[in-house]
Amino acid sequence: IDVALLDGETGVIEQTVPMPGNVVAGYFGIYGGAVDSGDNFWGSQLGVGHIVRVDRLSMAVETFPMATSGYGMAVDRNDRVWTCSSTVGRFDYPTQTWMTNAVGGSTGCMPDGGNILWMAADPVVGVDIDTLQVVQTLDVPDAPRGISIDFNGYVWGPSLGANAAYRIDPVTGQVDTVAG
């Protein structure tokens, strides 16, 4: 498994960083990835494996055992790394500690830039990024696989079972279905 640094304009690979042997390639390798505010790459494995940190300046690699299973992963505004499945896990790099809570998500997560981490499920689950408690749920017609937040604060999820995506207003709870 390699992590590649690409030129954002040309797509040319600028550097390739091999992953250590404890990051097992046989189960999708690095399944999720995100970058923190220091431009460091974070990656996670599907299930219970390791999270990986590649330092942007030195390209040094660190790995940390995951505290809980992960399908999705994200980095919040405080540079904390999240792995998400039915249990959410939050990793704090400076202290190298995990917090977890069984909250009922399933397939992906993304913070909204404020205080909520949204997790794909039916209903979509909003978790407070500091307390790891569920603070909001949003009902959708079908469980999404993956979650994203747009520039207007809407929560998006592509349907797992239908040929559609859902745009949810977290303030009003209104769901718009986009088919096709």
N, C-alpha and C. Protein backbone atom coordinates (compact mmCIF):
# COMPACT_ATOMS: atom_id res chain seq x y z
N ILE A 1 0.86 -1.18 0.00
CA ILE A 1 0.00 0.00 0.00
C ILE A 1 0.89 1.23 0.00
N ASP A 2 0.56 2.18 -0.84
CA ASP A 2 1.28 3.45 -0.89
C ASP A 2 0.29 4.60 -0.71
N VAL A 3 0.76 5.68 -0.12
CA VAL A 3 0.03 6.94 -0.11
C VAL A 3 0.77 7.84 -1.09
N ALA A 4 0.04 8.42 -2.01
CA ALA A 4 0.66 9.25 -3.04
C ALA A 4 0.28 10.72 -2.84
N LEU A 5 1.27 11.58 -2.93
CA LEU A 5 1.06 13.02 -2.91
C LEU A 5 0.99 13.47 -4.36
N LEU A 6 -0.15 14.06 -4.75
CA LEU A 6 -0.35 14.50 -6.12
C LEU A 6 -0.29 16.01 -6.23
N ASP A 7 0.16 16.52 -7.36
CA ASP A 7 0.04 17.93 -7.68
C ASP A 7 -1.42 18.19 -7.97
N GLY A 8 -2.02 19.11 -7.25
CA GLY A 8 -3.45 19.39 -7.39
C GLY A 8 -3.86 19.96 -8.73
N GLU A 9 -2.94 20.55 -9.44
CA GLU A 9 -3.24 21.12 -10.75
C GLU A 9 -3.05 20.12 -11.89
N THR A 10 -1.99 19.34 -11.81
CA THR A 10 -1.64 18.47 -12.94
C THR A 10 -1.97 17.00 -12.71
N GLY A 11 -2.11 16.61 -11.45
CA GLY A 11 -2.34 15.20 -11.13
C GLY A 11 -1.07 14.37 -11.12
N VAL A 12 0.07 15.00 -11.34
CA VAL A 12 1.35 14.29 -11.34
C VAL A 12 1.68 13.85 -9.91
N ILE A 13 2.14 12.61 -9.77
CA ILE A 13 2.56 12.11 -8.46
C ILE A 13 3.89 12.75 -8.09
N GLU A 14 3.88 13.49 -6.97
CA GLU A 14 5.09 14.16 -6.51
C GLU A 14 5.91 13.29 -5.57
N GLN A 15 5.23 12.46 -4.80
CA GLN A 15 5.94 11.59 -3.87
C GLN A 15 5.04 10.41 -3.53
N THR A 16 5.67 9.26 -3.33
CA THR A 16 4.96 8.05 -2.92
C THR A 16 5.53 7.60 -1.59
N VAL A 17 4.64 7.31 -0.64
CA VAL A 17 5.06 6.91 0.70
C VAL A 17 4.53 5.50 0.96
N PRO A 18 5.40 4.50 1.09
CA PRO A 18 4.94 3.14 1.38
C PRO A 18 4.44 3.03 2.82
N MET A 19 3.38 2.25 2.99
CA MET A 19 2.82 2.02 4.31
C MET A 19 3.53 0.84 4.97
N PRO A 20 3.61 0.86 6.31
CA PRO A 20 4.27 -0.24 7.02
C PRO A 20 3.44 -1.52 6.96
N GLY A 21 4.04 -2.62 7.35
CA GLY A 21 3.41 -3.93 7.26
C GLY A 21 2.18 -4.13 8.12
N ASN A 22 1.98 -3.32 9.18
CA ASN A 22 0.79 -3.50 10.01
C ASN A 22 -0.46 -2.91 9.36
N VAL A 23 -0.31 -2.22 8.24
CA VAL A 23 -1.46 -1.74 7.46
C VAL A 23 -1.69 -2.80 6.37
N VAL A 24 -2.60 -3.70 6.64
CA VAL A 24 -2.80 -4.89 5.81
C VAL A 24 -3.51 -4.54 4.51
N ALA A 25 -2.92 -4.96 3.40
CA ALA A 25 -3.47 -4.65 2.08
C ALA A 25 -4.67 -5.51 1.73
N GLY A 26 -4.80 -6.69 2.32
CA GLY A 26 -5.82 -7.65 1.92
C GLY A 26 -7.25 -7.23 2.15
N TYR A 27 -7.48 -6.23 2.96
CA TYR A 27 -8.86 -5.82 3.24
C TYR A 27 -9.03 -4.35 2.86
N PHE A 28 -8.91 -4.07 1.58
CA PHE A 28 -9.10 -2.75 1.00
C PHE A 28 -8.02 -1.73 1.35
N GLY A 29 -6.95 -2.12 2.00
CA GLY A 29 -5.85 -1.20 2.28
C GLY A 29 -6.29 0.02 3.06
N ILE A 30 -5.98 1.21 2.55
CA ILE A 30 -6.48 2.46 3.13
C ILE A 30 -7.85 2.70 2.50
N TYR A 31 -8.88 2.71 3.32
CA TYR A 31 -10.25 2.78 2.81
C TYR A 31 -10.82 4.20 2.84
N GLY A 32 -10.37 5.00 3.79
CA GLY A 32 -10.82 6.39 3.89
C GLY A 32 -9.63 7.29 4.09
N GLY A 33 -9.76 8.55 3.66
CA GLY A 33 -8.65 9.48 3.82
C GLY A 33 -9.13 10.91 3.97
N ALA A 34 -8.35 11.71 4.68
CA ALA A 34 -8.64 13.13 4.87
C ALA A 34 -7.33 13.83 5.23
N VAL A 35 -7.35 15.15 5.17
CA VAL A 35 -6.18 15.95 5.48
C VAL A 35 -6.54 16.91 6.61
N ASP A 36 -5.62 17.07 7.57
CA ASP A 36 -5.88 17.99 8.68
C ASP A 36 -5.42 19.40 8.33
N SER A 37 -5.56 20.33 9.27
CA SER A 37 -5.22 21.73 8.99
C SER A 37 -3.73 21.96 8.78
N GLY A 38 -2.88 21.01 9.19
CA GLY A 38 -1.45 21.11 8.96
C GLY A 38 -1.03 20.44 7.66
N ASP A 39 -2.01 20.03 6.85
CA ASP A 39 -1.77 19.39 5.56
C ASP A 39 -1.22 17.98 5.70
N ASN A 40 -1.41 17.37 6.86
CA ASN A 40 -0.98 15.99 7.09
C ASN A 40 -2.09 15.05 6.63
N PHE A 41 -1.71 13.95 5.99
CA PHE A 41 -2.68 12.97 5.51
C PHE A 41 -3.03 11.98 6.62
N TRP A 42 -4.33 11.70 6.74
CA TRP A 42 -4.82 10.67 7.65
C TRP A 42 -5.58 9.65 6.82
N GLY A 43 -5.35 8.37 7.08
CA GLY A 43 -6.08 7.31 6.41
C GLY A 43 -6.55 6.29 7.41
N SER A 44 -7.63 5.59 7.06
CA SER A 44 -8.15 4.55 7.94
C SER A 44 -8.38 3.28 7.14
N GLN A 45 -8.49 2.19 7.86
CA GLN A 45 -8.79 0.91 7.24
C GLN A 45 -10.25 0.55 7.49
N LEU A 46 -10.79 -0.26 6.62
CA LEU A 46 -12.16 -0.77 6.78
C LEU A 46 -12.15 -1.80 7.90
N GLY A 47 -13.15 -1.74 8.77
CA GLY A 47 -13.19 -2.65 9.90
C GLY A 47 -12.29 -2.12 11.00
N VAL A 48 -11.68 -3.03 11.75
CA VAL A 48 -10.77 -2.64 12.82
C VAL A 48 -9.35 -2.94 12.36
N GLY A 49 -8.62 -1.90 12.06
CA GLY A 49 -7.23 -2.02 11.63
C GLY A 49 -6.43 -0.91 12.28
N HIS A 50 -5.87 -0.05 11.44
CA HIS A 50 -5.07 1.07 11.91
C HIS A 50 -5.50 2.36 11.22
N ILE A 51 -5.29 3.48 11.91
CA ILE A 51 -5.29 4.75 11.23
C ILE A 51 -3.83 5.10 10.98
N VAL A 52 -3.62 5.86 9.91
CA VAL A 52 -2.28 6.19 9.45
C VAL A 52 -2.16 7.71 9.37
N ARG A 53 -1.03 8.23 9.81
CA ARG A 53 -0.74 9.66 9.66
C ARG A 53 0.55 9.79 8.86
N VAL A 54 0.49 10.57 7.78
CA VAL A 54 1.69 10.89 7.00
C VAL A 54 1.95 12.37 7.19
N ASP A 55 3.09 12.68 7.83
CA ASP A 55 3.48 14.06 8.08
C ASP A 55 3.82 14.73 6.75
N ARG A 56 3.20 15.85 6.45
CA ARG A 56 3.36 16.52 5.16
C ARG A 56 4.79 17.02 4.93
N LEU A 57 5.44 17.48 5.98
CA LEU A 57 6.79 18.03 5.80
C LEU A 57 7.86 16.94 5.68
N SER A 58 7.82 15.97 6.57
CA SER A 58 8.88 14.95 6.60
C SER A 58 8.51 13.68 5.84
N MET A 59 7.21 13.50 5.57
CA MET A 59 6.65 12.28 4.96
C MET A 59 6.84 11.06 5.87
N ALA A 60 7.09 11.30 7.16
CA ALA A 60 7.19 10.21 8.13
C ALA A 60 5.80 9.62 8.36
N VAL A 61 5.75 8.31 8.57
CA VAL A 61 4.49 7.59 8.75
C VAL A 61 4.36 7.14 10.20
N GLU A 62 3.18 7.34 10.76
CA GLU A 62 2.83 6.80 12.07
C GLU A 62 1.54 6.03 11.93
N THR A 63 1.41 4.94 12.68
CA THR A 63 0.16 4.17 12.68
C THR A 63 -0.33 4.02 14.12
N PHE A 64 -1.65 3.95 14.25
CA PHE A 64 -2.27 3.81 15.55
C PHE A 64 -3.40 2.79 15.43
N PRO A 65 -3.45 1.78 16.34
CA PRO A 65 -4.55 0.82 16.28
C PRO A 65 -5.89 1.53 16.46
N MET A 66 -6.88 1.11 15.65
CA MET A 66 -8.23 1.68 15.77
C MET A 66 -8.91 1.11 17.01
N ALA A 67 -9.67 1.95 17.68
CA ALA A 67 -10.36 1.54 18.91
C ALA A 67 -11.70 0.88 18.61
N THR A 68 -12.21 1.09 17.40
CA THR A 68 -13.50 0.54 17.03
C THR A 68 -13.54 0.39 15.52
N SER A 69 -14.47 -0.37 15.05
CA SER A 69 -14.61 -0.59 13.61
C SER A 69 -14.91 0.72 12.90
N GLY A 70 -14.41 0.85 11.69
CA GLY A 70 -14.68 2.04 10.90
C GLY A 70 -15.04 1.70 9.48
N TYR A 71 -16.05 2.37 8.97
CA TYR A 71 -16.38 2.30 7.55
C TYR A 71 -16.00 3.62 6.90
N GLY A 72 -16.34 4.70 7.58
CA GLY A 72 -15.98 6.02 7.11
C GLY A 72 -15.01 6.66 8.07
N MET A 73 -14.37 7.74 7.61
CA MET A 73 -13.49 8.49 8.50
C MET A 73 -13.48 9.94 8.07
N ALA A 74 -13.11 10.80 9.00
CA ALA A 74 -13.08 12.24 8.75
C ALA A 74 -12.13 12.89 9.74
N VAL A 75 -11.81 14.16 9.47
CA VAL A 75 -11.03 14.98 10.40
C VAL A 75 -11.89 16.22 10.70
N ASP A 76 -12.06 16.53 11.99
CA ASP A 76 -12.90 17.68 12.34
C ASP A 76 -12.09 18.98 12.40
N ARG A 77 -12.76 20.08 12.72
CA ARG A 77 -12.13 21.41 12.74
C ARG A 77 -11.06 21.54 13.81
N ASN A 78 -11.04 20.60 14.76
CA ASN A 78 -10.04 20.58 15.82
C ASN A 78 -8.92 19.57 15.51
N ASP A 79 -8.88 19.11 14.28
CA ASP A 79 -7.88 18.13 13.82
C ASP A 79 -7.97 16.78 14.51
N ARG A 80 -9.15 16.45 15.03
CA ARG A 80 -9.34 15.12 15.60
C ARG A 80 -9.82 14.20 14.50
N VAL A 81 -9.33 12.97 14.51
CA VAL A 81 -9.65 11.98 13.49
C VAL A 81 -10.81 11.12 13.98
N TRP A 82 -11.76 10.88 13.08
CA TRP A 82 -12.95 10.10 13.41
C TRP A 82 -13.02 8.85 12.54
N THR A 83 -13.38 7.73 13.16
CA THR A 83 -13.77 6.54 12.41
C THR A 83 -15.22 6.26 12.76
N CYS A 84 -15.98 5.87 11.76
CA CYS A 84 -17.42 5.78 11.95
C CYS A 84 -17.98 4.47 11.44
N SER A 85 -18.78 3.87 12.26
CA SER A 85 -19.57 2.69 11.93
C SER A 85 -20.75 2.76 12.88
N SER A 86 -21.20 1.66 13.46
CA SER A 86 -22.28 1.77 14.44
C SER A 86 -21.79 2.42 15.72
N THR A 87 -20.48 2.38 15.92
CA THR A 87 -19.83 3.09 17.00
C THR A 87 -18.93 4.15 16.39
N VAL A 88 -18.95 5.33 16.96
CA VAL A 88 -18.08 6.40 16.50
C VAL A 88 -16.83 6.41 17.38
N GLY A 89 -15.68 6.62 16.73
CA GLY A 89 -14.43 6.73 17.48
C GLY A 89 -13.74 8.04 17.13
N ARG A 90 -13.25 8.73 18.14
CA ARG A 90 -12.54 9.99 17.92
C ARG A 90 -11.12 9.87 18.48
N PHE A 91 -10.13 10.11 17.61
CA PHE A 91 -8.72 10.01 17.99
C PHE A 91 -8.14 11.40 18.12
N ASP A 92 -7.50 11.66 19.26
CA ASP A 92 -6.84 12.92 19.53
C ASP A 92 -5.33 12.69 19.39
N TYR A 93 -4.74 13.25 18.34
CA TYR A 93 -3.33 13.00 18.05
C TYR A 93 -2.38 13.49 19.15
N PRO A 94 -2.54 14.72 19.68
CA PRO A 94 -1.57 15.17 20.69
C PRO A 94 -1.49 14.23 21.90
N THR A 95 -2.63 13.67 22.33
CA THR A 95 -2.61 12.78 23.50
C THR A 95 -2.58 11.30 23.08
N GLN A 96 -2.80 11.05 21.80
CA GLN A 96 -2.85 9.70 21.23
C GLN A 96 -3.83 8.81 21.99
N THR A 97 -5.03 9.40 22.22
CA THR A 97 -6.09 8.68 22.92
C THR A 97 -7.36 8.64 22.08
N TRP A 98 -8.16 7.63 22.33
CA TRP A 98 -9.45 7.45 21.66
C TRP A 98 -10.59 7.67 22.64
N MET A 99 -11.71 8.17 22.12
CA MET A 99 -13.00 8.14 22.80
C MET A 99 -13.95 7.46 21.85
N THR A 100 -14.87 6.64 22.37
CA THR A 100 -15.84 5.95 21.53
C THR A 100 -17.22 6.04 22.14
N ASN A 101 -18.24 5.87 21.29
CA ASN A 101 -19.62 5.82 21.76
C ASN A 101 -20.45 5.09 20.70
N ALA A 102 -21.26 4.15 21.13
CA ALA A 102 -22.17 3.44 20.23
C ALA A 102 -23.38 4.34 19.95
N VAL A 103 -23.45 4.88 18.73
CA VAL A 103 -24.47 5.88 18.42
C VAL A 103 -25.41 5.47 17.30
N GLY A 104 -25.12 4.38 16.60
CA GLY A 104 -26.07 3.90 15.60
C GLY A 104 -25.86 4.38 14.19
N GLY A 105 -24.71 4.91 13.85
CA GLY A 105 -24.44 5.24 12.44
C GLY A 105 -24.13 3.96 11.69
N SER A 106 -23.67 4.08 10.45
CA SER A 106 -23.29 2.85 9.78
C SER A 106 -22.25 3.04 8.69
N THR A 107 -22.48 3.89 7.69
CA THR A 107 -21.61 3.87 6.52
C THR A 107 -21.10 5.25 6.13
N GLY A 108 -20.27 5.83 6.94
CA GLY A 108 -19.64 7.09 6.58
C GLY A 108 -19.99 8.22 7.51
N CYS A 109 -19.12 9.25 7.52
CA CYS A 109 -19.36 10.38 8.41
C CYS A 109 -18.62 11.60 7.89
N MET A 110 -19.10 12.78 8.30
CA MET A 110 -18.43 14.03 7.96
C MET A 110 -18.86 15.11 8.96
N PRO A 111 -17.89 15.89 9.47
CA PRO A 111 -18.26 17.00 10.34
C PRO A 111 -18.80 18.16 9.51
N ASP A 112 -19.65 18.98 10.14
CA ASP A 112 -20.28 20.09 9.41
C ASP A 112 -19.48 21.38 9.49
N GLY A 113 -18.28 21.34 10.06
CA GLY A 113 -17.48 22.56 10.22
C GLY A 113 -17.79 23.27 11.52
N GLY A 114 -18.87 22.88 12.16
CA GLY A 114 -19.25 23.41 13.47
C GLY A 114 -19.04 22.34 14.52
N ASN A 115 -20.12 22.00 15.21
CA ASN A 115 -20.01 21.07 16.33
C ASN A 115 -20.67 19.72 16.11
N ILE A 116 -21.10 19.43 14.88
CA ILE A 116 -21.79 18.17 14.65
C ILE A 116 -21.06 17.34 13.61
N LEU A 117 -20.89 16.06 13.94
CA LEU A 117 -20.42 15.06 13.00
C LEU A 117 -21.65 14.29 12.54
N TRP A 118 -21.90 14.28 11.24
CA TRP A 118 -23.07 13.59 10.69
C TRP A 118 -22.65 12.20 10.24
N MET A 119 -23.47 11.21 10.59
CA MET A 119 -23.19 9.81 10.26
C MET A 119 -24.30 9.24 9.41
N ALA A 120 -23.91 8.51 8.36
CA ALA A 120 -24.87 7.89 7.47
C ALA A 120 -25.57 6.74 8.16
N ALA A 121 -26.89 6.74 8.11
CA ALA A 121 -27.75 5.70 8.66
C ALA A 121 -29.17 6.12 8.34
N ASP A 122 -30.15 5.33 8.73
CA ASP A 122 -31.54 5.75 8.66
C ASP A 122 -32.14 5.55 10.04
N PRO A 123 -32.28 6.64 10.81
CA PRO A 123 -32.08 8.03 10.44
C PRO A 123 -30.60 8.41 10.42
N VAL A 124 -30.29 9.53 9.71
CA VAL A 124 -28.97 10.12 9.74
C VAL A 124 -28.74 10.62 11.17
N VAL A 125 -27.55 10.38 11.70
CA VAL A 125 -27.27 10.66 13.11
C VAL A 125 -26.30 11.84 13.21
N GLY A 126 -26.64 12.84 14.03
CA GLY A 126 -25.75 13.97 14.32
C GLY A 126 -25.15 13.80 15.70
N VAL A 127 -23.82 13.79 15.78
CA VAL A 127 -23.10 13.56 17.03
C VAL A 127 -22.32 14.82 17.39
N ASP A 128 -22.43 15.25 18.64
CA ASP A 128 -21.65 16.39 19.13
C ASP A 128 -20.17 16.01 19.11
N ILE A 129 -19.31 16.83 18.48
CA ILE A 129 -17.91 16.48 18.33
C ILE A 129 -17.12 16.53 19.64
N ASP A 130 -17.67 17.16 20.67
CA ASP A 130 -16.96 17.22 21.95
C ASP A 130 -17.42 16.14 22.92
N THR A 131 -18.73 15.89 22.98
CA THR A 131 -19.26 14.93 23.95
C THR A 131 -19.49 13.54 23.38
N LEU A 132 -19.53 13.39 22.05
CA LEU A 132 -19.83 12.15 21.34
C LEU A 132 -21.26 11.66 21.60
N GLN A 133 -22.13 12.57 22.03
CA GLN A 133 -23.52 12.23 22.25
C GLN A 133 -24.36 12.58 21.03
N VAL A 134 -25.40 11.80 20.76
CA VAL A 134 -26.33 12.10 19.67
C VAL A 134 -27.11 13.34 20.04
N VAL A 135 -27.06 14.35 19.15
CA VAL A 135 -27.77 15.60 19.41
C VAL A 135 -28.90 15.82 18.41
N GLN A 136 -28.92 15.04 17.33
CA GLN A 136 -29.97 15.21 16.33
C GLN A 136 -30.03 13.97 15.46
N THR A 137 -31.25 13.65 15.00
CA THR A 137 -31.43 12.61 14.00
C THR A 137 -32.30 13.18 12.89
N LEU A 138 -32.03 12.74 11.66
CA LEU A 138 -32.76 13.22 10.49
C LEU A 138 -33.30 12.01 9.73
N ASP A 139 -34.62 11.91 9.63
CA ASP A 139 -35.22 10.77 8.94
C ASP A 139 -35.06 10.92 7.44
N VAL A 140 -34.70 9.84 6.77
CA VAL A 140 -34.56 9.80 5.32
C VAL A 140 -35.34 8.60 4.78
N PRO A 141 -35.73 8.62 3.48
CA PRO A 141 -36.50 7.51 2.92
C PRO A 141 -35.75 6.18 2.91
N ASP A 142 -34.41 6.22 2.80
CA ASP A 142 -33.62 4.99 2.72
C ASP A 142 -32.23 5.31 3.26
N ALA A 143 -31.59 4.34 3.88
CA ALA A 143 -30.27 4.57 4.47
C ALA A 143 -29.25 4.98 3.42
N PRO A 144 -28.56 6.10 3.62
CA PRO A 144 -27.51 6.49 2.68
C PRO A 144 -26.22 5.70 2.92
N ARG A 145 -25.45 5.58 1.88
CA ARG A 145 -24.10 5.01 1.99
C ARG A 145 -23.14 6.17 1.76
N GLY A 146 -22.59 6.68 2.83
CA GLY A 146 -21.74 7.86 2.75
C GLY A 146 -22.53 9.10 3.11
N ILE A 147 -21.80 10.13 3.47
CA ILE A 147 -22.43 11.38 3.90
C ILE A 147 -21.51 12.53 3.51
N SER A 148 -22.10 13.67 3.20
CA SER A 148 -21.32 14.85 2.86
C SER A 148 -22.09 16.09 3.26
N ILE A 149 -21.37 17.15 3.53
CA ILE A 149 -21.99 18.43 3.89
C ILE A 149 -21.61 19.43 2.81
N ASP A 150 -22.62 20.14 2.25
CA ASP A 150 -22.29 21.11 1.20
C ASP A 150 -22.00 22.49 1.81
N PHE A 151 -21.67 23.44 0.96
CA PHE A 151 -21.30 24.77 1.42
C PHE A 151 -22.43 25.52 2.09
N ASN A 152 -23.68 25.08 1.85
CA ASN A 152 -24.84 25.71 2.48
C ASN A 152 -25.25 25.02 3.77
N GLY A 153 -24.51 24.00 4.20
CA GLY A 153 -24.82 23.30 5.44
C GLY A 153 -25.80 22.16 5.29
N TYR A 154 -26.23 21.85 4.06
CA TYR A 154 -27.13 20.72 3.86
C TYR A 154 -26.35 19.42 4.00
N VAL A 155 -27.01 18.41 4.55
CA VAL A 155 -26.43 17.09 4.72
C VAL A 155 -26.90 16.24 3.53
N TRP A 156 -25.95 15.64 2.81
CA TRP A 156 -26.25 14.83 1.62
C TRP A 156 -25.88 13.38 1.88
N GLY A 157 -26.68 12.48 1.34
CA GLY A 157 -26.36 11.06 1.40
C GLY A 157 -26.91 10.33 0.19
N PRO A 158 -26.06 9.58 -0.54
CA PRO A 158 -26.56 8.76 -1.63
C PRO A 158 -27.25 7.53 -1.07
N SER A 159 -28.41 7.19 -1.62
CA SER A 159 -29.19 6.07 -1.12
C SER A 159 -28.46 4.75 -1.33
N LEU A 160 -28.58 3.88 -0.36
CA LEU A 160 -28.01 2.54 -0.46
C LEU A 160 -28.90 1.65 -1.31
N GLY A 161 -30.22 1.84 -1.23
CA GLY A 161 -31.14 0.93 -1.91
C GLY A 161 -31.91 1.51 -3.07
N ALA A 162 -31.85 2.82 -3.27
CA ALA A 162 -32.61 3.46 -4.36
C ALA A 162 -31.64 4.23 -5.25
N ASN A 163 -32.07 4.52 -6.44
CA ASN A 163 -31.25 5.29 -7.37
C ASN A 163 -31.50 6.77 -7.11
N ALA A 164 -31.01 7.24 -5.96
CA ALA A 164 -31.31 8.60 -5.52
C ALA A 164 -30.27 9.07 -4.51
N ALA A 165 -30.27 10.37 -4.31
CA ALA A 165 -29.49 10.98 -3.23
C ALA A 165 -30.44 11.89 -2.46
N TYR A 166 -30.17 12.07 -1.18
CA TYR A 166 -31.03 12.90 -0.33
C TYR A 166 -30.25 14.12 0.13
N ARG A 167 -30.91 15.27 0.03
CA ARG A 167 -30.37 16.51 0.57
C ARG A 167 -31.27 16.87 1.75
N ILE A 168 -30.67 16.98 2.92
CA ILE A 168 -31.45 17.20 4.14
C ILE A 168 -31.06 18.54 4.74
N ASP A 169 -32.06 19.33 5.06
CA ASP A 169 -31.84 20.58 5.78
C ASP A 169 -31.82 20.25 7.27
N PRO A 170 -30.67 20.36 7.94
CA PRO A 170 -30.61 19.97 9.35
C PRO A 170 -31.39 20.91 10.27
N VAL A 171 -31.73 22.11 9.78
CA VAL A 171 -32.51 23.05 10.60
C VAL A 171 -33.99 22.69 10.58
N THR A 172 -34.54 22.42 9.38
CA THR A 172 -35.97 22.15 9.25
C THR A 172 -36.30 20.66 9.18
N GLY A 173 -35.29 19.82 8.85
CA GLY A 173 -35.54 18.39 8.66
C GLY A 173 -36.10 18.05 7.30
N GLN A 174 -36.30 19.04 6.43
CA GLN A 174 -36.83 18.77 5.10
C GLN A 174 -35.85 17.94 4.27
N VAL A 175 -36.39 16.92 3.60
CA VAL A 175 -35.58 16.05 2.76
C VAL A 175 -35.99 16.26 1.31
N ASP A 176 -35.02 16.57 0.46
CA ASP A 176 -35.25 16.64 -0.98
C ASP A 176 -34.57 15.43 -1.61
N THR A 177 -35.30 14.72 -2.47
CA THR A 177 -34.76 13.55 -3.15
C THR A 177 -34.35 13.93 -4.56
N VAL A 178 -33.12 13.58 -4.91
CA VAL A 178 -32.60 13.82 -6.25
C VAL A 178 -32.44 12.44 -6.89
N ALA A 179 -33.25 12.15 -7.90
CA ALA A 179 -33.23 10.84 -8.54
C ALA A 179 -32.25 10.82 -9.71
N GLY A 180 -31.84 9.61 -10.09
CA GLY A 180 -31.02 9.44 -11.28
C GLY A 180 -29.61 9.06 -10.96
